[in-house]
Amino acid sequence: MRPVVALGIAALAVALVVGAGVGIDLAMSPHPIGAFAGCRTGTQLAPQQYSGPPPMCIDPRAKYRATVKTTKGDITFDFLASQAPRTTNNFIVLAEHGYFNGLTFFRSEDWVIQSGDPQNSGRGGPGYLLPPEPPAANDSWVPGSLGMARFPDGTISGSQFFILKSAWSGGNPSDVYNHFGTVTVGFDVVGQLTNSDRILSVDVKRA
């Protein structure tokens, strides 16, 4: 067999395997229904990897609420959709497609917990970044605030999020972390979570 032909066959086999993996992942992932039936991710390139942020499918003027079911109990939070519409839309679309299901709270400190990384290392994500969404002038990072992880180079993660256990040390941060939600029920659960706990599912509703 000629080397060029052999290489072509090998490349085709790899493409088929990757394509099959993506197809299986799509088939097994939850599909949005109801108010979020039209919400779609970017083009899926591999399991939990997409070509870019999802198209907007929410109404930034509306109220949305999510319940994160964890191995320690439920946490309910309200989205700050008008303040961080793209981040809210991104979180809702990923949640509706089951992205967060099974992920651990890989970071657990006295003042914060963090999840949303399929690698559970602090370096993983969905294959894209989010644009910064600066907070309102009167914004305050109180206990129970949710924001997106910010990498050392200043970019903002497309999926890693954190929840504050206490107010931001030293006052509100000067850098942008896309403040997109506030815990309303289950703050006691936030305080109990460790890096051995996982997200079981995320249920989103339009309030």
N, C-alpha and C. Protein backbone atom coordinates (compact mmCIF):
# COMPACT_ATOMS: atom_id res chain seq x y z
N MET A 1 0.85 -1.20 0.00
CA MET A 1 0.00 0.00 0.00
C MET A 1 0.88 1.25 0.00
N ARG A 2 0.54 2.20 -0.84
CA ARG A 2 1.34 3.42 -0.91
C ARG A 2 1.20 4.23 0.38
N PRO A 3 2.29 4.90 0.81
CA PRO A 3 2.25 5.68 2.05
C PRO A 3 1.15 6.73 2.05
N VAL A 4 0.95 7.39 0.93
CA VAL A 4 -0.07 8.45 0.86
C VAL A 4 -1.45 7.87 1.09
N VAL A 5 -1.71 6.71 0.47
CA VAL A 5 -3.02 6.05 0.64
C VAL A 5 -3.21 5.62 2.09
N ALA A 6 -2.14 5.05 2.68
CA ALA A 6 -2.20 4.61 4.07
C ALA A 6 -2.49 5.78 5.00
N LEU A 7 -1.83 6.89 4.75
CA LEU A 7 -2.06 8.08 5.58
C LEU A 7 -3.49 8.56 5.43
N GLY A 8 -4.00 8.50 4.21
CA GLY A 8 -5.37 8.94 3.97
C GLY A 8 -6.37 8.07 4.71
N ILE A 9 -6.15 6.77 4.68
CA ILE A 9 -7.03 5.84 5.40
C ILE A 9 -6.97 6.08 6.90
N ALA A 10 -5.74 6.31 7.42
CA ALA A 10 -5.58 6.56 8.85
C ALA A 10 -6.29 7.84 9.26
N ALA A 11 -6.15 8.88 8.44
CA ALA A 11 -6.81 10.17 8.75
C ALA A 11 -8.32 10.01 8.74
N LEU A 12 -8.84 9.23 7.79
CA LEU A 12 -10.28 9.00 7.72
C LEU A 12 -10.77 8.24 8.94
N ALA A 13 -9.98 7.26 9.39
CA ALA A 13 -10.36 6.48 10.57
C ALA A 13 -10.42 7.37 11.81
N VAL A 14 -9.41 8.25 11.96
CA VAL A 14 -9.40 9.17 13.10
C VAL A 14 -10.62 10.08 13.06
N ALA A 15 -10.92 10.62 11.87
CA ALA A 15 -12.07 11.52 11.73
C ALA A 15 -13.37 10.81 12.08
N LEU A 16 -13.49 9.54 11.67
CA LEU A 16 -14.70 8.78 11.98
C LEU A 16 -14.84 8.53 13.48
N VAL A 17 -13.70 8.23 14.13
CA VAL A 17 -13.73 8.00 15.58
C VAL A 17 -14.14 9.26 16.32
N VAL A 18 -13.52 10.41 15.94
CA VAL A 18 -13.86 11.69 16.57
C VAL A 18 -15.32 12.03 16.32
N GLY A 19 -15.74 11.85 15.07
CA GLY A 19 -17.13 12.14 14.73
C GLY A 19 -18.10 11.28 15.50
N ALA A 20 -17.75 10.00 15.66
CA ALA A 20 -18.61 9.10 16.43
C ALA A 20 -18.70 9.54 17.88
N GLY A 21 -17.55 9.99 18.43
CA GLY A 21 -17.55 10.46 19.82
C GLY A 21 -18.44 11.65 20.01
N VAL A 22 -18.36 12.61 19.09
CA VAL A 22 -19.21 13.80 19.17
C VAL A 22 -20.67 13.41 19.01
N GLY A 23 -20.94 12.48 18.08
CA GLY A 23 -22.33 12.06 17.87
C GLY A 23 -22.91 11.39 19.10
N ILE A 24 -22.13 10.53 19.76
CA ILE A 24 -22.60 9.87 20.98
C ILE A 24 -22.84 10.90 22.08
N ASP A 25 -21.92 11.86 22.21
CA ASP A 25 -22.06 12.90 23.22
C ASP A 25 -23.34 13.71 22.98
N LEU A 26 -23.60 14.05 21.72
CA LEU A 26 -24.82 14.81 21.38
C LEU A 26 -26.06 14.00 21.72
N ALA A 27 -26.03 12.71 21.41
CA ALA A 27 -27.20 11.87 21.65
C ALA A 27 -27.49 11.71 23.13
N MET A 28 -26.43 11.66 23.95
CA MET A 28 -26.60 11.42 25.39
C MET A 28 -26.84 12.69 26.18
N SER A 29 -26.51 13.85 25.60
CA SER A 29 -26.69 15.11 26.32
C SER A 29 -28.16 15.48 26.41
N PRO A 30 -28.57 16.15 27.51
CA PRO A 30 -29.94 16.62 27.61
C PRO A 30 -30.25 17.62 26.50
N HIS A 31 -31.50 17.68 26.09
CA HIS A 31 -31.90 18.63 25.06
C HIS A 31 -32.88 19.62 25.68
N PRO A 32 -32.64 20.92 25.51
CA PRO A 32 -33.51 21.94 26.11
C PRO A 32 -34.96 21.79 25.66
N ILE A 33 -35.87 22.07 26.59
CA ILE A 33 -37.29 22.03 26.28
C ILE A 33 -37.95 23.28 26.87
N GLY A 34 -39.20 23.47 26.59
CA GLY A 34 -39.95 24.59 27.16
C GLY A 34 -39.40 25.92 26.72
N ALA A 35 -39.19 26.81 27.70
CA ALA A 35 -38.72 28.18 27.41
C ALA A 35 -37.35 28.21 26.75
N PHE A 36 -36.58 27.13 26.89
CA PHE A 36 -35.21 27.12 26.36
C PHE A 36 -35.06 26.16 25.18
N ALA A 37 -36.17 25.77 24.58
CA ALA A 37 -36.12 24.80 23.48
C ALA A 37 -35.29 25.31 22.30
N GLY A 38 -35.26 26.61 22.12
CA GLY A 38 -34.51 27.17 21.00
C GLY A 38 -33.06 27.49 21.31
N CYS A 39 -32.62 27.20 22.51
CA CYS A 39 -31.23 27.51 22.91
C CYS A 39 -30.27 26.47 22.35
N ARG A 40 -29.26 26.95 21.65
CA ARG A 40 -28.28 26.07 21.03
C ARG A 40 -26.86 26.48 21.42
N THR A 41 -26.00 25.50 21.52
CA THR A 41 -24.58 25.78 21.75
C THR A 41 -23.94 26.17 20.42
N GLY A 42 -22.67 26.61 20.48
CA GLY A 42 -21.91 26.74 19.26
C GLY A 42 -21.68 25.37 18.67
N THR A 43 -21.10 25.29 17.51
CA THR A 43 -20.81 24.00 16.88
C THR A 43 -19.95 23.14 17.79
N GLN A 44 -20.39 21.91 18.04
CA GLN A 44 -19.63 21.03 18.92
C GLN A 44 -18.47 20.42 18.15
N LEU A 45 -17.27 20.58 18.69
CA LEU A 45 -16.05 20.08 18.06
C LEU A 45 -15.60 18.76 18.67
N ALA A 46 -15.91 18.56 19.94
CA ALA A 46 -15.54 17.36 20.69
C ALA A 46 -16.39 17.39 21.96
N PRO A 47 -16.39 16.30 22.75
CA PRO A 47 -17.17 16.34 23.99
C PRO A 47 -16.80 17.54 24.85
N GLN A 48 -17.82 18.35 25.21
CA GLN A 48 -17.67 19.55 26.05
C GLN A 48 -16.76 20.61 25.45
N GLN A 49 -16.62 20.59 24.12
CA GLN A 49 -15.80 21.58 23.41
C GLN A 49 -16.61 22.16 22.25
N TYR A 50 -16.64 23.49 22.16
CA TYR A 50 -17.46 24.15 21.15
C TYR A 50 -16.65 25.21 20.40
N SER A 51 -17.17 25.59 19.24
CA SER A 51 -16.47 26.54 18.38
C SER A 51 -16.49 27.96 18.93
N GLY A 52 -17.45 28.26 19.79
CA GLY A 52 -17.57 29.61 20.34
C GLY A 52 -18.76 29.70 21.27
N PRO A 53 -18.99 30.86 21.89
CA PRO A 53 -20.13 31.04 22.78
C PRO A 53 -21.45 30.79 22.06
N PRO A 54 -22.48 30.41 22.78
CA PRO A 54 -23.77 30.14 22.15
C PRO A 54 -24.45 31.42 21.68
N PRO A 55 -25.29 31.33 20.66
CA PRO A 55 -26.08 32.50 20.25
C PRO A 55 -27.02 32.92 21.39
N MET A 56 -27.35 34.19 21.44
CA MET A 56 -28.27 34.68 22.47
C MET A 56 -29.65 34.05 22.29
N CYS A 57 -30.19 33.52 23.36
CA CYS A 57 -31.54 32.93 23.30
C CYS A 57 -32.40 33.37 24.47
N ILE A 58 -31.86 34.18 25.38
CA ILE A 58 -32.64 34.65 26.53
C ILE A 58 -33.05 36.10 26.32
N ASP A 59 -33.98 36.54 27.13
CA ASP A 59 -34.39 37.94 27.15
C ASP A 59 -33.70 38.61 28.34
N PRO A 60 -32.74 39.49 28.13
CA PRO A 60 -32.02 40.11 29.25
C PRO A 60 -32.91 40.89 30.21
N ARG A 61 -34.13 41.22 29.77
CA ARG A 61 -35.05 41.95 30.63
C ARG A 61 -35.84 41.01 31.54
N ALA A 62 -35.79 39.72 31.25
CA ALA A 62 -36.55 38.74 32.03
C ALA A 62 -35.78 38.30 33.26
N LYS A 63 -36.48 37.61 34.16
CA LYS A 63 -35.89 37.06 35.38
C LYS A 63 -35.68 35.56 35.22
N TYR A 64 -34.51 35.10 35.57
CA TYR A 64 -34.19 33.67 35.48
C TYR A 64 -33.62 33.19 36.81
N ARG A 65 -33.89 31.93 37.09
CA ARG A 65 -33.45 31.33 38.35
C ARG A 65 -32.92 29.93 38.08
N ALA A 66 -31.87 29.53 38.77
CA ALA A 66 -31.30 28.19 38.60
C ALA A 66 -31.17 27.49 39.95
N THR A 67 -31.39 26.20 39.95
CA THR A 67 -31.14 25.37 41.13
C THR A 67 -30.06 24.37 40.78
N VAL A 68 -28.94 24.49 41.49
CA VAL A 68 -27.81 23.58 41.29
C VAL A 68 -27.92 22.47 42.31
N LYS A 69 -28.15 21.26 41.83
CA LYS A 69 -28.24 20.11 42.74
C LYS A 69 -26.84 19.54 42.92
N THR A 70 -26.39 19.48 44.17
CA THR A 70 -25.05 18.99 44.47
C THR A 70 -25.13 17.78 45.39
N THR A 71 -23.99 17.17 45.63
CA THR A 71 -23.93 16.02 46.53
C THR A 71 -24.14 16.41 47.99
N LYS A 72 -24.18 17.70 48.29
CA LYS A 72 -24.45 18.16 49.65
C LYS A 72 -25.85 18.77 49.80
N GLY A 73 -26.55 18.99 48.67
CA GLY A 73 -27.85 19.63 48.72
C GLY A 73 -28.02 20.62 47.58
N ASP A 74 -29.13 21.34 47.60
CA ASP A 74 -29.46 22.25 46.51
C ASP A 74 -29.07 23.70 46.81
N ILE A 75 -28.64 24.39 45.75
CA ILE A 75 -28.33 25.81 45.82
C ILE A 75 -29.15 26.52 44.74
N THR A 76 -29.94 27.50 45.14
CA THR A 76 -30.73 28.25 44.18
C THR A 76 -30.19 29.67 44.08
N PHE A 77 -30.06 30.16 42.84
CA PHE A 77 -29.59 31.53 42.67
C PHE A 77 -30.37 32.23 41.57
N ASP A 78 -30.47 33.55 41.68
CA ASP A 78 -31.08 34.38 40.66
C ASP A 78 -30.00 34.95 39.76
N PHE A 79 -30.26 34.94 38.46
CA PHE A 79 -29.31 35.51 37.50
C PHE A 79 -29.43 37.04 37.48
N LEU A 80 -28.31 37.70 37.23
CA LEU A 80 -28.29 39.14 37.00
C LEU A 80 -28.25 39.35 35.49
N ALA A 81 -29.35 38.99 34.83
CA ALA A 81 -29.39 38.94 33.37
C ALA A 81 -29.17 40.30 32.73
N SER A 82 -29.73 41.34 33.32
CA SER A 82 -29.58 42.66 32.71
C SER A 82 -28.16 43.19 32.85
N GLN A 83 -27.46 42.77 33.91
CA GLN A 83 -26.08 43.22 34.15
C GLN A 83 -25.07 42.41 33.34
N ALA A 84 -25.32 41.10 33.22
CA ALA A 84 -24.38 40.22 32.51
C ALA A 84 -25.17 39.31 31.57
N PRO A 85 -25.78 39.88 30.52
CA PRO A 85 -26.63 39.08 29.63
C PRO A 85 -25.91 37.95 28.90
N ARG A 86 -24.70 38.21 28.41
CA ARG A 86 -23.99 37.18 27.67
C ARG A 86 -23.54 36.04 28.58
N THR A 87 -23.10 36.41 29.79
CA THR A 87 -22.69 35.38 30.74
C THR A 87 -23.88 34.56 31.20
N THR A 88 -25.01 35.24 31.46
CA THR A 88 -26.23 34.53 31.85
C THR A 88 -26.68 33.59 30.74
N ASN A 89 -26.70 34.07 29.52
CA ASN A 89 -27.10 33.24 28.38
C ASN A 89 -26.19 32.04 28.25
N ASN A 90 -24.89 32.27 28.37
CA ASN A 90 -23.91 31.20 28.24
C ASN A 90 -24.12 30.12 29.31
N PHE A 91 -24.30 30.54 30.56
CA PHE A 91 -24.48 29.59 31.65
C PHE A 91 -25.76 28.78 31.44
N ILE A 92 -26.83 29.46 31.06
CA ILE A 92 -28.12 28.78 30.87
C ILE A 92 -28.03 27.76 29.74
N VAL A 93 -27.43 28.14 28.62
CA VAL A 93 -27.33 27.21 27.49
C VAL A 93 -26.48 26.00 27.86
N LEU A 94 -25.33 26.22 28.50
CA LEU A 94 -24.49 25.09 28.91
C LEU A 94 -25.24 24.20 29.90
N ALA A 95 -25.93 24.81 30.85
CA ALA A 95 -26.67 24.03 31.84
C ALA A 95 -27.77 23.21 31.18
N GLU A 96 -28.48 23.81 30.24
CA GLU A 96 -29.58 23.11 29.56
C GLU A 96 -29.07 21.95 28.72
N HIS A 97 -27.82 21.99 28.33
CA HIS A 97 -27.23 20.89 27.57
C HIS A 97 -26.42 19.93 28.45
N GLY A 98 -26.56 20.08 29.78
CA GLY A 98 -25.95 19.13 30.71
C GLY A 98 -24.46 19.29 30.91
N TYR A 99 -23.91 20.44 30.52
CA TYR A 99 -22.45 20.63 30.57
C TYR A 99 -21.89 20.46 31.99
N PHE A 100 -22.60 20.97 32.99
CA PHE A 100 -22.06 21.00 34.35
C PHE A 100 -22.30 19.69 35.12
N ASN A 101 -23.15 18.83 34.59
CA ASN A 101 -23.51 17.61 35.31
C ASN A 101 -22.28 16.73 35.56
N GLY A 102 -22.05 16.40 36.82
CA GLY A 102 -20.93 15.52 37.19
C GLY A 102 -19.63 16.23 37.49
N LEU A 103 -19.56 17.54 37.24
CA LEU A 103 -18.30 18.25 37.50
C LEU A 103 -18.10 18.49 38.99
N THR A 104 -16.86 18.48 39.43
CA THR A 104 -16.55 18.66 40.85
C THR A 104 -16.32 20.14 41.18
N PHE A 105 -16.39 20.43 42.46
CA PHE A 105 -15.97 21.74 42.96
C PHE A 105 -14.48 21.61 43.25
N PHE A 106 -13.69 21.74 42.19
CA PHE A 106 -12.26 21.43 42.28
C PHE A 106 -11.51 22.41 43.17
N ARG A 107 -12.08 23.58 43.39
CA ARG A 107 -11.45 24.57 44.28
C ARG A 107 -12.38 24.85 45.45
N SER A 108 -11.90 24.65 46.64
CA SER A 108 -12.70 24.92 47.84
C SER A 108 -11.80 25.57 48.89
N GLU A 109 -12.06 26.84 49.14
CA GLU A 109 -11.30 27.58 50.14
C GLU A 109 -12.26 28.20 51.14
N ASP A 110 -11.71 28.85 52.17
CA ASP A 110 -12.56 29.43 53.21
C ASP A 110 -13.54 30.45 52.67
N TRP A 111 -13.16 31.13 51.57
CA TRP A 111 -13.97 32.24 51.09
C TRP A 111 -14.66 32.00 49.75
N VAL A 112 -14.33 30.85 49.09
CA VAL A 112 -14.87 30.64 47.74
C VAL A 112 -14.89 29.16 47.37
N ILE A 113 -15.84 28.78 46.50
CA ILE A 113 -15.83 27.47 45.86
C ILE A 113 -15.89 27.70 44.36
N GLN A 114 -15.36 26.76 43.59
CA GLN A 114 -15.31 26.95 42.14
C GLN A 114 -15.54 25.62 41.42
N SER A 115 -16.27 25.68 40.31
CA SER A 115 -16.57 24.49 39.51
C SER A 115 -16.64 24.92 38.04
N GLY A 116 -17.15 24.01 37.19
CA GLY A 116 -17.33 24.32 35.78
C GLY A 116 -16.18 23.95 34.88
N ASP A 117 -15.20 23.18 35.39
CA ASP A 117 -14.05 22.78 34.59
C ASP A 117 -14.12 21.28 34.31
N PRO A 118 -14.31 20.86 33.04
CA PRO A 118 -14.38 19.43 32.75
C PRO A 118 -13.07 18.70 33.04
N GLN A 119 -11.95 19.44 33.16
CA GLN A 119 -10.68 18.82 33.51
C GLN A 119 -10.45 18.78 35.02
N ASN A 120 -11.28 19.52 35.77
CA ASN A 120 -11.15 19.61 37.23
C ASN A 120 -9.74 20.03 37.66
N SER A 121 -9.14 20.92 36.88
CA SER A 121 -7.77 21.35 37.16
C SER A 121 -7.63 22.87 37.27
N GLY A 122 -8.68 23.61 36.86
CA GLY A 122 -8.58 25.05 36.82
C GLY A 122 -8.07 25.56 35.49
N ARG A 123 -7.79 24.66 34.55
CA ARG A 123 -7.26 25.06 33.26
C ARG A 123 -8.20 24.73 32.10
N GLY A 124 -9.24 23.93 32.36
CA GLY A 124 -10.14 23.49 31.29
C GLY A 124 -11.29 24.44 31.05
N GLY A 125 -12.04 24.17 29.99
CA GLY A 125 -13.19 24.99 29.65
C GLY A 125 -13.87 24.48 28.41
N PRO A 126 -14.82 25.24 27.87
CA PRO A 126 -15.61 24.77 26.72
C PRO A 126 -14.97 25.05 25.36
N GLY A 127 -13.74 25.58 25.37
CA GLY A 127 -13.07 25.85 24.10
C GLY A 127 -13.15 27.30 23.66
N TYR A 128 -13.76 28.14 24.48
CA TYR A 128 -13.86 29.56 24.15
C TYR A 128 -13.86 30.39 25.43
N LEU A 129 -13.69 31.69 25.27
CA LEU A 129 -13.70 32.62 26.39
C LEU A 129 -14.93 33.51 26.29
N LEU A 130 -15.23 34.21 27.38
CA LEU A 130 -16.35 35.14 27.40
C LEU A 130 -15.84 36.58 27.35
N PRO A 131 -16.63 37.47 26.76
CA PRO A 131 -16.25 38.89 26.79
C PRO A 131 -16.47 39.45 28.18
N PRO A 132 -15.69 40.42 28.61
CA PRO A 132 -15.91 41.03 29.93
C PRO A 132 -17.24 41.78 29.97
N GLU A 133 -17.94 41.65 31.08
CA GLU A 133 -19.19 42.38 31.30
C GLU A 133 -19.05 43.14 32.62
N PRO A 134 -18.56 44.37 32.56
CA PRO A 134 -18.31 45.15 33.78
C PRO A 134 -19.59 45.33 34.60
N PRO A 135 -19.48 45.30 35.92
CA PRO A 135 -20.66 45.45 36.79
C PRO A 135 -21.15 46.88 36.83
N ALA A 136 -22.35 47.04 37.34
CA ALA A 136 -22.90 48.39 37.54
C ALA A 136 -22.10 49.10 38.62
N ALA A 137 -22.20 50.42 38.64
CA ALA A 137 -21.41 51.24 39.58
C ALA A 137 -21.71 50.88 41.03
N ASN A 138 -22.95 50.50 41.32
CA ASN A 138 -23.34 50.19 42.70
C ASN A 138 -23.28 48.69 42.99
N ASP A 139 -22.64 47.91 42.13
CA ASP A 139 -22.56 46.47 42.32
C ASP A 139 -21.74 46.13 43.56
N SER A 140 -22.11 45.04 44.22
CA SER A 140 -21.40 44.63 45.43
C SER A 140 -21.25 43.11 45.46
N TRP A 141 -20.03 42.65 45.72
CA TRP A 141 -19.76 41.21 45.79
C TRP A 141 -20.02 40.71 47.21
N VAL A 142 -21.27 40.46 47.49
CA VAL A 142 -21.69 39.98 48.82
C VAL A 142 -21.54 38.46 48.87
N PRO A 143 -21.58 37.86 50.07
CA PRO A 143 -21.56 36.40 50.15
C PRO A 143 -22.71 35.81 49.33
N GLY A 144 -22.41 34.77 48.57
CA GLY A 144 -23.40 34.16 47.70
C GLY A 144 -23.35 34.67 46.27
N SER A 145 -22.45 35.63 45.99
CA SER A 145 -22.31 36.15 44.63
C SER A 145 -21.65 35.10 43.72
N LEU A 146 -22.11 35.04 42.46
CA LEU A 146 -21.52 34.15 41.47
C LEU A 146 -20.82 34.97 40.40
N GLY A 147 -19.63 34.52 40.02
CA GLY A 147 -18.87 35.17 38.96
C GLY A 147 -18.12 34.13 38.15
N MET A 148 -17.50 34.59 37.06
CA MET A 148 -16.73 33.70 36.21
C MET A 148 -15.24 33.81 36.53
N ALA A 149 -14.57 32.68 36.43
CA ALA A 149 -13.13 32.65 36.71
C ALA A 149 -12.37 33.53 35.71
N ARG A 150 -11.34 34.16 36.21
CA ARG A 150 -10.49 35.01 35.38
C ARG A 150 -9.08 34.41 35.38
N PHE A 151 -8.55 34.16 34.19
CA PHE A 151 -7.23 33.54 34.07
C PHE A 151 -6.12 34.57 34.29
N PRO A 152 -4.90 34.10 34.56
CA PRO A 152 -3.79 35.03 34.82
C PRO A 152 -3.55 36.05 33.70
N ASP A 153 -3.90 35.70 32.45
CA ASP A 153 -3.67 36.64 31.36
C ASP A 153 -4.82 37.65 31.22
N GLY A 154 -5.80 37.58 32.13
CA GLY A 154 -6.90 38.55 32.12
C GLY A 154 -8.12 38.10 31.35
N THR A 155 -8.06 36.96 30.68
CA THR A 155 -9.23 36.46 29.95
C THR A 155 -10.22 35.79 30.91
N ILE A 156 -11.46 35.68 30.45
CA ILE A 156 -12.54 35.18 31.31
C ILE A 156 -13.02 33.82 30.80
N SER A 157 -13.06 32.85 31.69
CA SER A 157 -13.43 31.48 31.33
C SER A 157 -14.83 31.41 30.75
N GLY A 158 -15.02 30.45 29.85
CA GLY A 158 -16.34 30.23 29.28
C GLY A 158 -17.22 29.33 30.10
N SER A 159 -16.66 28.68 31.14
CA SER A 159 -17.50 27.77 31.93
C SER A 159 -17.16 27.73 33.42
N GLN A 160 -15.94 28.06 33.80
CA GLN A 160 -15.58 27.99 35.22
C GLN A 160 -16.23 29.15 35.98
N PHE A 161 -16.97 28.80 37.01
CA PHE A 161 -17.64 29.82 37.82
C PHE A 161 -17.34 29.59 39.29
N PHE A 162 -17.52 30.65 40.08
CA PHE A 162 -17.27 30.55 41.51
C PHE A 162 -18.42 31.15 42.29
N ILE A 163 -18.53 30.73 43.54
CA ILE A 163 -19.52 31.28 44.47
C ILE A 163 -18.78 31.74 45.72
N LEU A 164 -19.01 32.98 46.12
CA LEU A 164 -18.35 33.51 47.31
C LEU A 164 -18.99 32.96 48.58
N LYS A 165 -18.16 32.50 49.51
CA LYS A 165 -18.64 32.11 50.83
C LYS A 165 -18.68 33.31 51.78
N SER A 166 -17.86 34.29 51.48
CA SER A 166 -17.82 35.53 52.27
C SER A 166 -17.63 36.70 51.32
N ALA A 167 -17.78 37.92 51.82
CA ALA A 167 -17.61 39.09 50.96
C ALA A 167 -16.19 39.14 50.42
N TRP A 168 -16.03 39.76 49.26
CA TRP A 168 -14.71 39.85 48.62
C TRP A 168 -13.74 40.59 49.55
N SER A 169 -12.63 39.93 49.84
CA SER A 169 -11.65 40.51 50.76
C SER A 169 -11.11 41.84 50.23
N GLY A 170 -11.11 42.86 51.09
CA GLY A 170 -10.59 44.16 50.71
C GLY A 170 -11.56 45.01 49.91
N GLY A 171 -12.82 44.59 49.84
CA GLY A 171 -13.80 45.34 49.04
C GLY A 171 -13.95 44.75 47.66
N ASN A 172 -14.80 45.34 46.85
CA ASN A 172 -15.06 44.83 45.51
C ASN A 172 -13.79 44.80 44.66
N PRO A 173 -13.64 43.77 43.80
CA PRO A 173 -12.44 43.67 42.97
C PRO A 173 -12.40 44.77 41.91
N SER A 174 -11.20 45.18 41.53
CA SER A 174 -11.05 46.18 40.47
C SER A 174 -11.10 45.53 39.09
N ASP A 175 -10.76 44.23 39.00
CA ASP A 175 -10.85 43.51 37.74
C ASP A 175 -12.27 43.01 37.51
N VAL A 176 -12.59 42.72 36.27
CA VAL A 176 -13.93 42.25 35.90
C VAL A 176 -14.01 40.73 35.99
N TYR A 177 -15.00 40.23 36.70
CA TYR A 177 -15.22 38.79 36.86
C TYR A 177 -16.62 38.37 36.39
N ASN A 178 -17.30 39.22 35.65
CA ASN A 178 -18.64 38.91 35.14
C ASN A 178 -19.57 38.41 36.24
N HIS A 179 -19.89 39.29 37.15
CA HIS A 179 -20.83 39.00 38.24
C HIS A 179 -22.21 38.73 37.64
N PHE A 180 -22.68 37.46 37.72
CA PHE A 180 -23.90 37.11 37.00
C PHE A 180 -25.00 36.48 37.84
N GLY A 181 -24.81 36.35 39.16
CA GLY A 181 -25.87 35.75 39.96
C GLY A 181 -25.67 35.95 41.45
N THR A 182 -26.75 35.67 42.21
CA THR A 182 -26.72 35.77 43.67
C THR A 182 -27.52 34.63 44.27
N VAL A 183 -26.93 33.90 45.20
CA VAL A 183 -27.62 32.79 45.87
C VAL A 183 -28.77 33.32 46.70
N THR A 184 -29.94 32.70 46.56
CA THR A 184 -31.12 33.08 47.33
C THR A 184 -31.54 31.99 48.33
N VAL A 185 -31.26 30.75 48.01
CA VAL A 185 -31.58 29.62 48.89
C VAL A 185 -30.42 28.63 48.85
N GLY A 186 -30.06 28.10 50.03
CA GLY A 186 -29.01 27.09 50.08
C GLY A 186 -27.62 27.62 50.34
N PHE A 187 -27.53 28.83 50.90
CA PHE A 187 -26.20 29.36 51.19
C PHE A 187 -25.48 28.48 52.22
N ASP A 188 -26.22 27.81 53.08
CA ASP A 188 -25.60 26.88 54.03
C ASP A 188 -24.92 25.72 53.31
N VAL A 189 -25.49 25.32 52.17
CA VAL A 189 -24.89 24.25 51.38
C VAL A 189 -23.58 24.72 50.77
N VAL A 190 -23.54 25.97 50.32
CA VAL A 190 -22.31 26.54 49.76
C VAL A 190 -21.16 26.38 50.76
N GLY A 191 -21.43 26.64 52.03
CA GLY A 191 -20.40 26.56 53.06
C GLY A 191 -19.95 25.14 53.36
N GLN A 192 -20.75 24.15 52.98
CA GLN A 192 -20.41 22.76 53.26
C GLN A 192 -19.65 22.07 52.13
N LEU A 193 -19.64 22.67 50.95
CA LEU A 193 -19.04 22.01 49.79
C LEU A 193 -17.52 21.95 49.88
N THR A 194 -16.96 20.81 49.49
CA THR A 194 -15.51 20.63 49.43
C THR A 194 -15.15 20.12 48.04
N ASN A 195 -13.85 19.94 47.80
CA ASN A 195 -13.44 19.49 46.47
C ASN A 195 -13.72 18.01 46.21
N SER A 196 -14.41 17.35 47.11
CA SER A 196 -14.87 15.98 46.85
C SER A 196 -16.34 15.97 46.42
N ASP A 197 -16.98 17.14 46.41
CA ASP A 197 -18.39 17.23 46.03
C ASP A 197 -18.55 17.52 44.55
N ARG A 198 -19.73 17.13 44.02
CA ARG A 198 -19.99 17.28 42.59
C ARG A 198 -21.34 17.97 42.34
N ILE A 199 -21.47 18.51 41.12
CA ILE A 199 -22.76 19.00 40.63
C ILE A 199 -23.49 17.81 40.03
N LEU A 200 -24.72 17.57 40.47
CA LEU A 200 -25.51 16.48 39.91
C LEU A 200 -26.30 16.94 38.69
N SER A 201 -26.88 18.13 38.79
CA SER A 201 -27.63 18.69 37.66
C SER A 201 -27.89 20.16 37.94
N VAL A 202 -28.31 20.89 36.91
CA VAL A 202 -28.68 22.30 37.04
C VAL A 202 -30.03 22.49 36.37
N ASP A 203 -31.00 22.97 37.12
CA ASP A 203 -32.35 23.19 36.60
C ASP A 203 -32.60 24.70 36.51
N VAL A 204 -32.88 25.19 35.31
CA VAL A 204 -33.08 26.62 35.09
C VAL A 204 -34.55 26.89 34.76
N LYS A 205 -35.08 27.97 35.34
CA LYS A 205 -36.45 28.37 35.07
C LYS A 205 -36.52 29.86 34.81
N ARG A 206 -37.46 30.25 33.98
CA ARG A 206 -37.75 31.67 33.82
C ARG A 206 -38.71 32.07 34.91
N ALA A 207 -38.31 33.00 35.76
CA ALA A 207 -39.10 33.34 36.96
C ALA A 207 -40.33 34.17 36.59
